[in-house]
Amino acid sequence: MHGKYASSFHENISKIRSLIVQASLAPGDRLPSERELAETLSISRASVREALRALSFLGIVETRHGGGTFLCEQDRHRYIEILSEFIVTKQTKASDIVDMLRLLERLAFSEVEPTPERVKLLEANLANDREFRQQLILGLDNELFIRIWSEVNRFYDGTDAGELYTIEERTQLLEMWRKVRMPE
């Protein structure tokens, strides 16, 4: 998609999403017909169909043959699958994956409380780069964040990059985290 076409395509999707919000539709509710949407939004029926197909792919709506289009229950994790597809289809550079992992892990270091138990757990995993990083991320106790990290890390595992941090770097990170976040 290029230029004006891409812009109007995204605009049409936004218009339908706005209509869903304005109409206070709940999961399971039926959307207006294609004809009604086209009239209400002042766009062609073909444009409505195209936007509905995109929303269906994203898991926002479901079209039932002969029954209409319905708002779906939102599965936050579907977006993680879309992120994975983006990483694969765009042939993301290994350096971008490394940057993303380091950003996510820095965020975890800033948000996870270094309790004595958490510190011991990380110390026990100092020798294993992936386990060390995974235990840090699990400390966030946020399923969506953990899934994002897991998907990005899965692609990192598929590279020849080796360890993200050396054991010396992991030891330094743990010491800095402990000093900054834990009172002596």
Protein backbone atom coordinates (compact mmCIF):
# COMPACT_ATOMS: atom_id res chain seq x y z
CA MET A 1 0.00 0.00 0.00
CA HIS A 2 1.32 3.36 -0.91
CA GLY A 3 0.47 7.00 -0.46
CA LYS A 4 -3.11 8.17 -0.61
CA TYR A 5 -4.56 4.64 -0.82
CA ALA A 6 -2.80 3.54 2.37
CA SER A 7 -3.89 6.70 4.12
CA SER A 8 -7.57 6.26 3.21
CA PHE A 9 -7.40 2.54 4.07
CA HIS A 10 -6.17 3.38 7.58
CA GLU A 11 -8.68 6.22 7.87
CA ASN A 12 -11.53 3.84 7.03
CA ILE A 13 -10.38 1.38 9.68
CA SER A 14 -10.20 4.23 12.20
CA LYS A 15 -13.68 5.42 11.24
CA ILE A 16 -15.16 1.97 11.86
CA ARG A 17 -13.29 1.61 15.17
CA SER A 18 -14.54 5.05 16.25
CA LEU A 19 -18.09 4.09 15.33
CA ILE A 20 -17.77 0.93 17.46
CA VAL A 21 -16.68 3.05 20.44
CA GLN A 22 -19.31 5.77 19.89
CA ALA A 23 -22.07 3.17 19.59
CA SER A 24 -20.84 1.53 22.83
CA LEU A 25 -20.83 -1.86 21.16
CA ALA A 26 -19.83 -4.76 23.38
CA PRO A 27 -18.32 -8.10 22.36
CA GLY A 28 -20.98 -10.14 20.58
CA ASP A 29 -22.89 -7.07 19.36
CA ARG A 30 -23.70 -6.86 15.66
CA LEU A 31 -22.24 -3.98 13.65
CA PRO A 32 -24.42 -2.10 11.17
CA SER A 33 -24.60 -3.66 7.70
CA GLU A 34 -21.98 -2.83 5.06
CA ARG A 35 -24.51 -0.59 3.34
CA GLU A 36 -25.32 1.27 6.58
CA LEU A 37 -21.61 1.66 7.40
CA ALA A 38 -20.91 2.99 3.90
CA GLU A 39 -23.71 5.56 4.22
CA THR A 40 -22.86 6.57 7.78
CA LEU A 41 -19.13 6.90 7.14
CA SER A 42 -19.44 8.30 3.60
CA ILE A 43 -17.20 5.66 2.07
CA SER A 44 -17.80 3.01 -0.59
CA ARG A 45 -19.06 -0.47 0.29
CA ALA A 46 -15.85 -1.90 -1.18
CA SER A 47 -13.85 0.25 1.25
CA VAL A 48 -16.07 -0.92 4.11
CA ARG A 49 -15.49 -4.57 3.15
CA GLU A 50 -11.73 -4.02 2.93
CA ALA A 51 -11.61 -2.33 6.35
CA LEU A 52 -13.78 -5.07 7.89
CA ARG A 53 -11.41 -7.73 6.48
CA ALA A 54 -8.48 -5.97 8.15
CA LEU A 55 -10.38 -5.69 11.44
CA SER A 56 -11.28 -9.36 11.15
CA PHE A 57 -7.61 -10.28 10.65
CA LEU A 58 -6.77 -8.31 13.80
CA GLY A 59 -9.44 -10.23 15.71
CA ILE A 60 -11.55 -7.14 16.37
CA VAL A 61 -14.60 -8.24 14.40
CA GLU A 62 -15.92 -11.52 13.04
CA THR A 63 -17.97 -11.76 9.86
CA ARG A 64 -20.49 -14.60 9.80
CA HIS A 65 -21.64 -15.57 6.32
CA GLY A 66 -25.24 -14.45 6.01
CA GLY A 67 -25.31 -13.25 9.61
CA GLY A 68 -23.43 -9.97 9.62
CA THR A 69 -20.35 -8.67 11.37
CA PHE A 70 -19.93 -8.90 15.13
CA LEU A 71 -17.56 -7.36 17.64
CA CYS A 72 -15.18 -9.96 19.08
CA GLU A 73 -13.95 -10.42 22.62
CA GLN A 74 -10.55 -8.72 22.59
CA ASP A 75 -7.61 -11.07 22.93
CA ARG A 76 -4.66 -8.88 23.85
CA HIS A 77 -2.30 -11.69 22.97
CA ARG A 78 -3.40 -11.74 19.33
CA TYR A 79 -1.39 -8.56 18.92
CA ILE A 80 1.69 -10.42 20.10
CA GLU A 81 1.21 -12.91 17.26
CA ILE A 82 0.95 -10.00 14.82
CA LEU A 83 4.18 -8.58 16.24
CA SER A 84 5.83 -11.95 15.61
CA GLU A 85 4.63 -11.98 12.02
CA PHE A 86 5.98 -8.46 11.56
CA ILE A 87 9.40 -9.49 12.86
CA VAL A 88 9.51 -12.46 10.48
CA THR A 89 8.13 -10.80 7.37
CA LYS A 90 10.15 -7.61 7.70
CA GLN A 91 13.38 -9.60 8.16
CA THR A 92 14.21 -7.59 11.24
CA LYS A 93 17.92 -7.04 11.80
CA ALA A 94 19.50 -8.91 14.70
CA SER A 95 20.77 -5.59 16.07
CA ASP A 96 17.16 -4.32 16.30
CA ILE A 97 16.16 -7.44 18.22
CA VAL A 98 19.11 -6.98 20.61
CA ASP A 99 18.14 -3.31 21.13
CA MET A 100 14.54 -4.29 21.85
CA LEU A 101 15.52 -6.98 24.36
CA ARG A 102 17.92 -4.67 26.16
CA LEU A 103 15.24 -1.97 26.33
CA LEU A 104 12.66 -4.39 27.75
CA GLU A 105 15.16 -5.75 30.26
CA ARG A 106 16.26 -2.26 31.37
CA LEU A 107 12.61 -1.49 31.97
CA ALA A 108 12.33 -4.64 34.07
CA PHE A 109 15.40 -3.65 36.11
CA SER A 110 13.78 -0.29 36.82
CA GLU A 111 10.38 -1.76 37.76
CA VAL A 112 11.09 -5.06 39.54
CA GLU A 113 11.72 -4.74 43.25
CA PRO A 114 15.01 -6.48 44.15
CA THR A 115 13.69 -8.49 47.06
CA PRO A 116 16.16 -10.87 48.71
CA GLU A 117 14.31 -13.78 47.07
CA ARG A 118 14.49 -12.19 43.60
CA VAL A 119 18.20 -11.39 44.03
CA LYS A 120 18.90 -15.01 45.08
CA LEU A 121 16.97 -16.28 42.07
CA LEU A 122 18.98 -14.10 39.69
CA GLU A 123 22.23 -15.07 41.42
CA ALA A 124 21.33 -18.73 40.95
CA ASN A 125 20.93 -18.09 37.21
CA LEU A 126 24.03 -15.94 36.65
CA ALA A 127 25.71 -18.67 34.58
CA ASN A 128 22.85 -18.88 32.07
CA ASP A 129 22.20 -15.68 30.11
CA ARG A 130 18.71 -16.59 28.91
CA GLU A 131 17.52 -17.91 32.30
CA PHE A 132 18.92 -14.86 34.08
CA ARG A 133 17.07 -12.51 31.73
CA GLN A 134 13.89 -14.59 31.84
CA GLN A 135 13.82 -14.59 35.66
CA LEU A 136 14.23 -10.83 35.63
CA ILE A 137 11.30 -10.41 33.22
CA LEU A 138 9.11 -12.84 35.19
CA GLY A 139 9.57 -10.53 38.17
CA LEU A 140 7.34 -7.98 36.42
CA ASP A 141 4.37 -10.32 36.90
CA ASN A 142 2.75 -8.87 33.77
CA GLU A 143 1.60 -11.55 31.35
CA LEU A 144 1.42 -9.27 28.33
CA PHE A 145 4.91 -7.85 28.87
CA ILE A 146 6.28 -11.37 29.42
CA ARG A 147 4.71 -12.56 26.15
CA ILE A 148 6.21 -9.65 24.22
CA TRP A 149 9.65 -10.36 25.69
CA SER A 150 9.25 -14.09 24.96
CA GLU A 151 8.40 -13.47 21.30
CA VAL A 152 11.26 -11.03 20.75
CA ASN A 153 13.62 -13.36 22.62
CA ARG A 154 12.50 -16.30 20.47
CA PHE A 155 13.80 -14.47 17.42
CA TYR A 156 17.00 -13.59 19.25
CA ASP A 157 17.49 -17.29 20.03
CA GLY A 158 17.30 -17.92 16.28
CA THR A 159 20.30 -15.67 15.58
CA ASP A 160 23.98 -16.59 15.92
CA ALA A 161 24.51 -13.77 18.38
CA GLY A 162 25.30 -15.94 21.41
CA GLU A 163 24.78 -14.48 24.86
CA LEU A 164 23.20 -11.06 25.16
CA TYR A 165 25.27 -10.33 28.27
CA THR A 166 28.51 -11.96 29.43
CA ILE A 167 28.60 -13.42 32.92
CA GLU A 168 30.65 -10.41 33.99
CA GLU A 169 27.99 -8.03 32.64
CA ARG A 170 25.22 -10.01 34.34
CA THR A 171 27.12 -9.85 37.62
CA GLN A 172 27.61 -6.08 37.25
CA LEU A 173 23.94 -5.56 36.36
CA LEU A 174 22.84 -7.53 39.41
CA GLU A 175 25.20 -5.61 41.71
CA MET A 176 24.09 -2.21 40.36
CA TRP A 177 20.43 -3.22 40.65
CA ARG A 178 20.91 -4.38 44.21
CA LYS A 179 22.74 -1.16 45.24
CA VAL A 180 20.37 1.24 43.52
CA ARG A 181 17.13 -0.41 44.60
CA MET A 182 17.91 -2.10 47.96
CA PRO A 183 18.76 -0.17 51.11
CA GLU A 184 21.99 -1.35 52.76
